[in-house]
N, C-alpha and C. Protein backbone atom coordinates (compact mmCIF):
# COMPACT_ATOMS: atom_id res chain seq x y z
N MET A 1 10.73 10.60 -3.58
CA MET A 1 10.40 9.60 -4.54
C MET A 1 10.07 8.29 -3.57
N GLU A 2 11.16 7.55 -2.50
CA GLU A 2 9.85 6.81 -1.36
C GLU A 2 9.01 6.25 -1.18
N LYS A 3 7.81 7.42 -1.11
CA LYS A 3 7.35 6.90 -1.02
C LYS A 3 6.18 6.84 -1.76
N ARG A 4 6.48 7.05 -2.94
CA ARG A 4 5.84 7.37 -4.40
C ARG A 4 5.87 5.21 -4.73
N ALA A 5 7.69 5.29 -4.81
CA ALA A 5 7.09 3.49 -4.32
C ALA A 5 6.68 2.77 -3.25
N GLU A 6 6.56 3.45 -2.23
CA GLU A 6 5.61 2.57 -1.44
C GLU A 6 4.00 2.67 -1.24
N GLY A 7 3.97 3.79 -2.49
CA GLY A 7 2.24 3.31 -3.21
C GLY A 7 2.35 2.53 -4.03
N CYS A 8 2.89 2.33 -5.15
CA CYS A 8 2.97 1.67 -6.18
C CYS A 8 2.88 0.02 -6.33
N ARG A 9 3.95 -0.06 -4.46
CA ARG A 9 4.20 -0.80 -4.16
C ARG A 9 2.51 -1.87 -3.54
N LEU A 10 2.08 -0.86 -2.71
CA LEU A 10 0.48 -1.12 -1.90
C LEU A 10 0.11 -1.16 -3.10
N LEU A 11 -0.26 -0.84 -3.97
CA LEU A 11 -1.35 -0.92 -5.32
C LEU A 11 -1.30 -1.80 -6.02
N HIS A 12 -0.02 -2.27 -6.02
CA HIS A 12 0.02 -3.82 -6.45
C HIS A 12 -0.21 -4.62 -5.75
N LEU A 13 -0.04 -5.34 -4.48
CA LEU A 13 -0.17 -6.09 -3.27
C LEU A 13 -2.03 -5.49 -3.41
N ALA A 14 -2.07 -4.55 -3.34
CA ALA A 14 -3.95 -4.31 -3.31
C ALA A 14 -4.65 -4.85 -4.90
N LYS A 15 -4.30 -5.10 -5.78
CA LYS A 15 -4.14 -5.06 -6.96
C LYS A 15 -5.10 -7.51 -7.20
N ARG A 16 -3.41 -7.47 -6.53
CA ARG A 16 -3.07 -9.19 -5.67
C ARG A 16 -4.54 -9.66 -5.75
N ILE A 17 -4.30 -8.86 -3.98
CA ILE A 17 -6.31 -9.66 -3.22
C ILE A 17 -6.79 -8.75 -3.82
N SER A 18 -7.46 -8.06 -4.54
CA SER A 18 -8.47 -7.77 -5.05
C SER A 18 -8.53 -9.03 -5.96
N SER A 19 -7.80 -10.03 -6.33
CA SER A 19 -8.82 -10.06 -8.48
C SER A 19 -9.37 -11.35 -7.99
N GLY A 20 -9.86 -12.14 -6.98
CA GLY A 20 -10.89 -13.04 -6.65
C GLY A 20 -12.17 -11.86 -5.47
N GLY A 21 -12.44 -10.80 -5.63
CA GLY A 21 -12.68 -10.71 -4.22
C GLY A 21 -12.33 -8.93 -4.71
N LYS A 22 -13.26 -8.03 -3.75
CA LYS A 22 -13.32 -7.42 -3.50
C LYS A 22 -13.01 -6.38 -2.85
N LEU A 23 -12.14 -5.73 -2.49
CA LEU A 23 -11.21 -4.66 -2.24
C LEU A 23 -12.39 -3.19 -1.32
N SER A 24 -11.74 -3.60 -0.46
CA SER A 24 -12.12 -1.89 -0.09
C SER A 24 -11.56 -1.09 1.20
N GLY A 25 -10.25 -0.44 1.06
CA GLY A 25 -9.81 0.83 1.96
C GLY A 25 -9.98 2.04 2.39
N LYS A 26 -9.39 2.42 3.57
CA LYS A 26 -9.41 3.84 3.16
C LYS A 26 -8.06 4.03 4.43
N SER A 27 -7.94 5.40 4.21
CA SER A 27 -6.63 6.04 4.63
C SER A 27 -6.93 7.62 5.66
N ILE A 28 -6.49 7.62 6.67
CA ILE A 28 -7.05 8.28 8.01
C ILE A 28 -5.63 8.48 8.82
N PRO A 29 -5.50 10.35 8.28
CA PRO A 29 -4.14 11.30 8.69
C PRO A 29 -4.31 10.62 9.86
N LEU A 30 -2.70 10.44 11.06
CA LEU A 30 -2.58 10.34 11.68
C LEU A 30 -1.23 11.61 12.06
N GLU A 31 -0.67 12.00 11.19
CA GLU A 31 0.29 13.50 11.63
C GLU A 31 1.05 13.79 10.64
N GLU A 32 1.29 14.95 10.25
CA GLU A 32 1.65 14.81 9.25
C GLU A 32 2.44 14.12 8.19
N GLY A 33 2.50 14.03 6.91
CA GLY A 33 2.97 13.31 6.55
C GLY A 33 2.79 11.55 5.98
N ASN A 34 1.89 10.87 7.14
CA ASN A 34 1.68 9.87 7.68
C ASN A 34 0.13 8.94 7.82
N LEU A 35 0.21 8.19 7.27
CA LEU A 35 -1.61 7.91 7.18
C LEU A 35 -1.12 6.80 7.76
N ASP A 36 -2.93 5.88 8.03
CA ASP A 36 -2.63 4.79 8.96
C ASP A 36 -3.86 4.34 7.28
N LEU A 37 -3.92 3.27 7.18
CA LEU A 37 -4.20 2.26 5.89
C LEU A 37 -5.46 1.15 7.16
N ILE A 38 -6.59 1.50 6.38
CA ILE A 38 -7.24 -0.50 6.83
C ILE A 38 -7.41 -0.79 5.35
N ILE A 39 -6.93 -1.89 5.42
CA ILE A 39 -7.73 -2.70 3.94
C ILE A 39 -8.07 -3.90 4.74
N GLU A 40 -9.83 -4.27 3.24
CA GLU A 40 -9.70 -5.13 3.69
C GLU A 40 -10.87 -5.65 2.81
N SER A 41 -11.12 -7.22 3.16
CA SER A 41 -10.86 -7.96 1.82
C SER A 41 -11.90 -9.00 2.14
N ASP A 42 -12.83 -9.55 1.29
CA ASP A 42 -13.70 -10.76 1.01
C ASP A 42 -13.27 -11.67 0.92
N ASP A 43 -12.08 -11.63 -0.03
CA ASP A 43 -11.13 -13.10 -0.40
C ASP A 43 -10.59 -13.82 0.66
N ILE A 44 -11.42 -14.83 0.47
CA ILE A 44 -11.31 -15.93 1.57
C ILE A 44 -9.57 -16.43 1.79
N ASP A 45 -8.62 -15.95 0.41
CA ASP A 45 -7.28 -16.38 -0.01
C ASP A 45 -5.83 -15.69 0.37
N VAL A 46 -6.94 -14.25 1.12
CA VAL A 46 -5.43 -13.37 1.46
C VAL A 46 -4.55 -13.26 2.25
N ASP A 47 -3.27 -13.94 2.36
CA ASP A 47 -2.60 -13.88 3.14
C ASP A 47 -2.78 -13.18 3.89
N ALA A 48 -2.72 -13.09 4.92
CA ALA A 48 -2.75 -11.56 6.45
C ALA A 48 -1.93 -11.69 6.89
N GLU A 49 -1.01 -12.39 6.84
CA GLU A 49 0.35 -12.88 6.86
C GLU A 49 1.20 -11.89 6.23
N GLU A 50 1.21 -11.88 5.53
CA GLU A 50 1.84 -10.98 3.30
C GLU A 50 1.62 -9.39 4.39
N LEU A 51 0.00 -9.13 4.99
CA LEU A 51 -0.14 -7.97 4.49
C LEU A 51 0.14 -7.32 5.55
N GLU A 52 0.52 -8.47 7.04
CA GLU A 52 1.52 -7.54 7.94
C GLU A 52 2.64 -7.44 8.27
N ASN A 53 2.81 -7.98 7.17
CA ASN A 53 4.68 -8.13 7.31
C ASN A 53 5.38 -6.34 6.02
N PHE A 54 4.32 -6.44 5.36
CA PHE A 54 3.87 -5.05 4.67
C PHE A 54 4.23 -3.12 5.43
N PHE A 55 2.79 -4.07 6.23
CA PHE A 55 2.57 -2.94 6.85
C PHE A 55 3.61 -2.66 8.26
N ASN A 56 4.77 -3.52 8.01
CA ASN A 56 5.71 -3.73 10.23
C ASN A 56 7.22 -3.28 8.75
């Protein structure tokens, strides 16, 4: 249930970020059950600090 909530939170954040530009992303499996997510945006208004805090 917790992983689903994190996924929903990530999707919401991605939609907010991509509202003014293109958003691309990919996930790379690291270990069983873990993903390394890479999100890139061409939107100059993307809050890099908010993204960093989200993933830490």
